[in-house]
Protein backbone atom coordinates (compact mmCIF):
# COMPACT_ATOMS: atom_id res chain seq x y z
CA MET A 1 67.48 54.59 51.94
CA GLY A 2 67.36 50.79 51.59
CA GLY A 3 68.52 50.10 55.16
CA LEU A 4 71.93 47.69 55.47
CA GLY A 5 70.27 45.13 52.58
CA TYR A 6 71.26 44.85 48.86
CA PHE A 7 71.22 47.33 46.49
CA PRO A 8 71.11 46.55 42.87
CA GLY A 9 73.23 48.07 40.58
CA ASP A 10 75.77 47.82 37.56
CA SER A 11 78.71 49.76 38.94
CA PHE A 12 82.12 48.30 38.92
CA LEU A 13 81.84 47.45 42.70
CA HIS A 14 78.35 45.64 42.31
CA LYS A 15 80.33 43.66 39.34
CA THR A 16 83.39 42.73 41.78
CA ASN A 17 84.11 39.67 42.92
CA PRO A 18 82.62 39.20 46.63
CA ILE A 19 85.91 37.93 47.75
CA ILE A 20 87.92 41.00 46.32
CA LYS A 21 85.76 43.10 48.48
CA LEU A 22 85.56 41.30 51.42
CA ILE A 23 89.39 41.48 51.63
CA ILE A 24 89.23 44.96 50.31
CA SER A 25 87.11 45.94 53.62
CA LEU A 26 89.09 43.92 56.15
CA VAL A 27 91.92 45.72 54.94
CA ILE A 28 90.56 49.06 55.80
CA VAL A 29 89.68 47.66 59.27
CA THR A 30 92.65 47.04 60.06
CA ALA A 31 94.72 49.55 58.95
CA VAL A 32 92.46 51.97 60.93
CA PHE A 33 93.07 49.78 64.20
CA ALA A 34 96.73 49.36 63.52
CA ILE A 35 97.84 52.98 62.85
CA PRO A 36 97.42 54.73 66.01
CA SER A 37 97.05 58.05 63.90
CA LEU A 38 93.44 59.71 63.65
CA ILE A 39 94.31 59.66 59.76
CA ALA A 40 93.89 56.17 59.44
CA PRO A 41 90.22 56.76 60.40
CA ILE A 42 90.01 59.78 58.63
CA SER A 43 91.28 58.01 55.32
CA ALA A 44 89.20 55.07 55.88
CA LEU A 45 86.11 57.28 56.08
CA VAL A 46 87.05 59.34 52.80
CA LEU A 47 88.08 56.35 50.89
CA THR A 48 84.81 54.00 51.99
CA PHE A 49 82.61 56.81 50.93
CA ILE A 50 84.21 57.49 47.31
CA LEU A 51 83.62 53.67 47.18
CA ALA A 52 80.18 54.65 48.32
CA VAL A 53 79.46 57.03 45.55
CA SER A 54 80.94 54.70 42.60
CA ALA A 55 78.23 52.79 43.69
CA GLY A 56 75.53 54.97 43.62
CA SER A 57 75.51 55.04 47.46
CA GLY A 58 76.77 58.13 48.22
CA ARG A 59 73.12 59.35 49.86
CA TRP A 60 73.13 56.01 51.65
CA MET A 61 76.50 56.14 53.14
CA LEU A 62 75.85 59.72 54.19
CA HIS A 63 72.82 58.55 56.35
CA ILE A 64 74.37 55.47 57.25
CA ILE A 65 77.32 58.20 58.69
CA LYS A 66 74.77 60.79 60.37
CA SER A 67 72.73 57.27 62.41
CA MET A 68 76.35 56.82 63.85
CA ILE A 69 77.14 59.85 64.50
CA LYS A 70 74.27 60.34 66.91
CA PHE A 71 74.98 56.69 68.69
CA SER A 72 78.92 57.86 68.77
CA ILE A 73 78.45 61.11 70.75
CA VAL A 74 77.01 59.22 74.06
CA ILE A 75 80.25 57.26 73.85
CA PHE A 76 82.11 60.26 73.36
CA VAL A 77 80.48 61.64 76.08
CA ILE A 78 80.91 58.66 78.56
CA GLN A 79 84.46 57.84 77.94
CA THR A 80 85.60 61.41 78.20
CA LEU A 81 84.44 61.51 81.73
CA PHE A 82 86.29 58.04 82.45
CA ILE A 83 89.11 59.24 81.46
CA GLN A 84 90.82 61.99 83.91
CA THR A 85 94.30 61.82 83.11
CA GLY A 86 95.85 64.73 80.91
CA ASP A 87 95.66 68.44 81.24
CA THR A 88 92.19 69.68 82.11
CA LEU A 89 90.24 71.57 79.27
CA ILE A 90 86.75 71.93 81.01
CA PRO A 91 86.09 71.42 84.66
CA LEU A 92 83.02 69.77 85.85
CA PHE A 93 81.22 68.70 88.95
CA TRP A 94 82.00 66.04 91.79
CA GLY A 95 85.79 66.64 91.07
CA LEU A 96 85.14 65.22 87.22
CA ARG A 97 86.96 67.10 84.73
CA VAL A 98 86.89 67.59 80.74
CA THR A 99 90.90 66.57 79.60
CA TYR A 100 92.94 67.30 77.10
CA GLN A 101 94.32 63.38 76.87
CA GLY A 102 90.44 61.99 77.03
CA VAL A 103 88.87 63.73 74.21
CA MET A 104 91.61 62.81 71.99
CA PHE A 105 91.13 59.35 73.09
CA SER A 106 87.31 59.64 72.99
CA LEU A 107 87.44 60.94 69.54
CA GLY A 108 90.20 58.48 68.04
CA PHE A 109 88.08 55.69 69.56
CA VAL A 110 84.39 56.98 67.55
CA LEU A 111 86.02 58.00 64.50
CA LYS A 112 87.29 54.03 64.20
CA LEU A 113 83.97 53.05 65.39
CA ILE A 114 82.20 54.24 62.83
CA ALA A 115 85.55 53.98 60.16
CA SER A 116 85.33 50.14 61.03
CA ALA A 117 81.85 49.56 60.59
CA LEU A 118 80.80 51.40 57.57
CA PRO A 119 83.29 48.91 55.23
CA LEU A 120 81.30 45.56 55.50
CA ALA A 121 78.16 48.19 55.55
CA LEU A 122 78.83 48.96 52.00
CA VAL A 123 79.78 44.80 51.12
CA LEU A 124 76.06 44.22 52.09
CA ARG A 125 75.15 46.96 50.08
CA VAL A 126 76.82 45.47 46.78
CA THR A 127 76.32 42.12 47.28
CA LYS A 128 74.16 39.26 47.22
CA GLY A 129 74.28 36.73 50.04
CA ILE A 130 74.22 33.76 47.66
CA ASP A 131 77.07 34.97 45.56
CA LEU A 132 79.52 35.34 48.59
CA ALA A 133 78.22 32.17 49.95
CA ASP A 134 79.08 30.98 46.33
CA SER A 135 82.93 32.73 46.45
CA LEU A 136 83.55 31.23 49.56
CA ASN A 137 83.07 27.83 48.57
CA GLU A 138 84.96 28.06 45.40
CA THR A 139 87.38 30.43 46.30
CA PHE A 140 88.58 29.05 49.90
CA LYS A 141 86.85 25.61 49.75
CA ILE A 142 84.67 26.37 52.71
CA PRO A 143 82.31 23.79 52.93
CA TYR A 144 78.93 25.51 51.35
CA LYS A 145 76.83 25.15 54.69
CA TYR A 146 79.31 27.13 56.42
CA ALA A 147 79.52 29.68 53.68
CA TYR A 148 76.13 29.58 53.60
CA ALA A 149 75.37 30.55 57.33
CA ILE A 150 77.74 33.31 57.25
CA ALA A 151 76.29 34.59 54.30
CA SER A 152 72.69 34.12 55.87
CA ALA A 153 74.13 35.84 58.93
CA MET A 154 75.06 39.04 56.81
CA ARG A 155 72.01 39.00 55.49
CA PHE A 156 70.35 38.82 58.88
CA VAL A 157 71.86 42.16 59.55
CA PRO A 158 69.81 44.29 57.52
CA ASP A 159 66.83 42.44 58.59
CA PHE A 160 67.12 42.96 62.12
CA ALA A 161 67.24 46.71 61.53
CA ASP A 162 64.34 46.73 59.68
CA GLU A 163 62.55 44.44 61.96
CA MET A 164 63.20 46.78 64.68
CA LYS A 165 62.36 50.07 63.00
CA ASP A 166 59.18 48.01 61.88
CA ILE A 167 58.66 47.66 66.13
CA ILE A 168 59.37 50.79 67.20
CA GLU A 169 56.83 52.51 64.61
CA ALA A 170 54.31 50.22 65.70
CA GLN A 171 54.91 50.64 69.75
CA THR A 172 54.79 54.24 68.15
CA ALA A 173 51.27 54.29 66.84
CA ARG A 174 50.38 52.82 70.05
CA GLY A 175 51.65 55.59 72.07
CA VAL A 176 55.44 54.41 73.28
CA GLU A 177 57.47 57.56 73.48
CA HIS A 178 60.65 56.23 72.16
CA ASP A 179 61.52 59.76 71.67
CA ALA A 180 61.27 60.15 75.51
CA LYS A 181 64.44 62.11 77.36
CA GLY A 182 66.38 60.73 79.81
CA PHE A 183 68.87 57.09 80.44
CA VAL A 184 66.61 55.65 82.75
CA LYS A 185 63.40 56.08 80.51
CA LYS A 186 64.79 54.68 77.58
CA ALA A 187 66.61 51.97 79.32
CA ARG A 188 63.10 51.46 80.10
CA LEU A 189 61.98 50.57 76.36
CA LEU A 190 64.56 48.03 75.54
CA ALA A 191 63.00 45.41 76.85
CA PRO A 192 59.64 46.14 74.77
CA ILE A 193 62.18 46.26 71.49
CA CYS A 194 64.14 43.27 72.29
CA LEU A 195 61.65 40.65 73.39
CA PRO A 196 59.68 40.92 70.07
CA LEU A 197 62.92 41.09 68.41
CA LEU A 198 64.30 38.46 69.95
CA ILE A 199 61.15 35.97 69.13
CA ASN A 200 61.16 37.40 65.39
CA GLY A 201 64.47 36.34 64.75
CA VAL A 202 64.06 32.75 66.32
CA ARG A 203 61.18 32.55 64.30
CA LYS A 204 63.25 33.88 61.12
CA ALA A 205 66.38 31.80 61.54
CA GLU A 206 64.26 28.32 61.82
CA ILE A 207 62.28 29.04 58.95
CA ALA A 208 65.76 29.72 56.88
CA ALA A 209 67.15 26.59 58.37
CA ILE A 210 63.75 24.25 57.21
CA SER A 211 64.53 26.11 53.61
CA ALA A 212 68.15 25.00 53.42
CA GLU A 213 67.53 21.75 54.55
CA MET A 214 64.50 21.20 51.71
CA ARG A 215 67.39 22.58 49.31
CA GLY A 216 70.02 20.41 50.68
CA VAL A 217 72.47 22.83 51.71
CA SER A 218 73.96 20.66 54.22
CA ASN A 219 74.64 17.66 51.47
CA ARG A 220 76.56 20.28 49.43
C-alpha cells in the first residue's frame, strides 16, 4: 500500500503548498481534542478520508485505518477496565465491571487517537520532504538546517515502519512466531525487533547527517 512514504500524483492536494497542508492537518488535530463531543473525531475521520480519496489514496487510507483499529482495540479494552465509575453494563471477574462511562470515554479516546494520526499521515503521503523543508524556510524563515531536520524526521517515520516490517518478515522466515497469542509472548518479541530497528535507525541517521554536511546544509 506504499507505507507512510510519499506517493507521487497530480491531484489538487499534491499541488497544494506544503505549509497549507500542514496547517490544515494541525487545525483538524486541534479540533479533535478541543471539541469534547464524539462528533469531532468522527467528522475529522470523514474529512480526512475524503481528502485522501481526492488524492487517489482512498484504499491506502482504509488500510491505515484498519491497521490502527487493530491496535486501538487493545487500548480500548485496557482503558475500559481502568474506568470503574458509572452505571454497570457488564459485570466481570475480580470485582471488575464494564461501565457506560468507561465505554464512552474509551471510545472517544481511540477515535481521537486515530483521527489525530491520519491527517499527518496524509500530509506525508502527498508531500515531498524536501518541499516541506523549502516551504518552512521560505515562509517562516526557519533556518534551513532546522527545516531540513524536521523534514528528515518526517521522512524517517515511513522508513522505520518499512524497516520494522522487513525485520518481522526476516525473523518470521527464520521461525520466529510473531503471530503468537498471549501478551507475555508478544512482549518477549519486542526486544528482537527493537534492537535491530534501533541499530539501523542510528546508522541511517548518521548516513543522512554526513550526506547533509557534504551538501552544505549547515551553511544555508
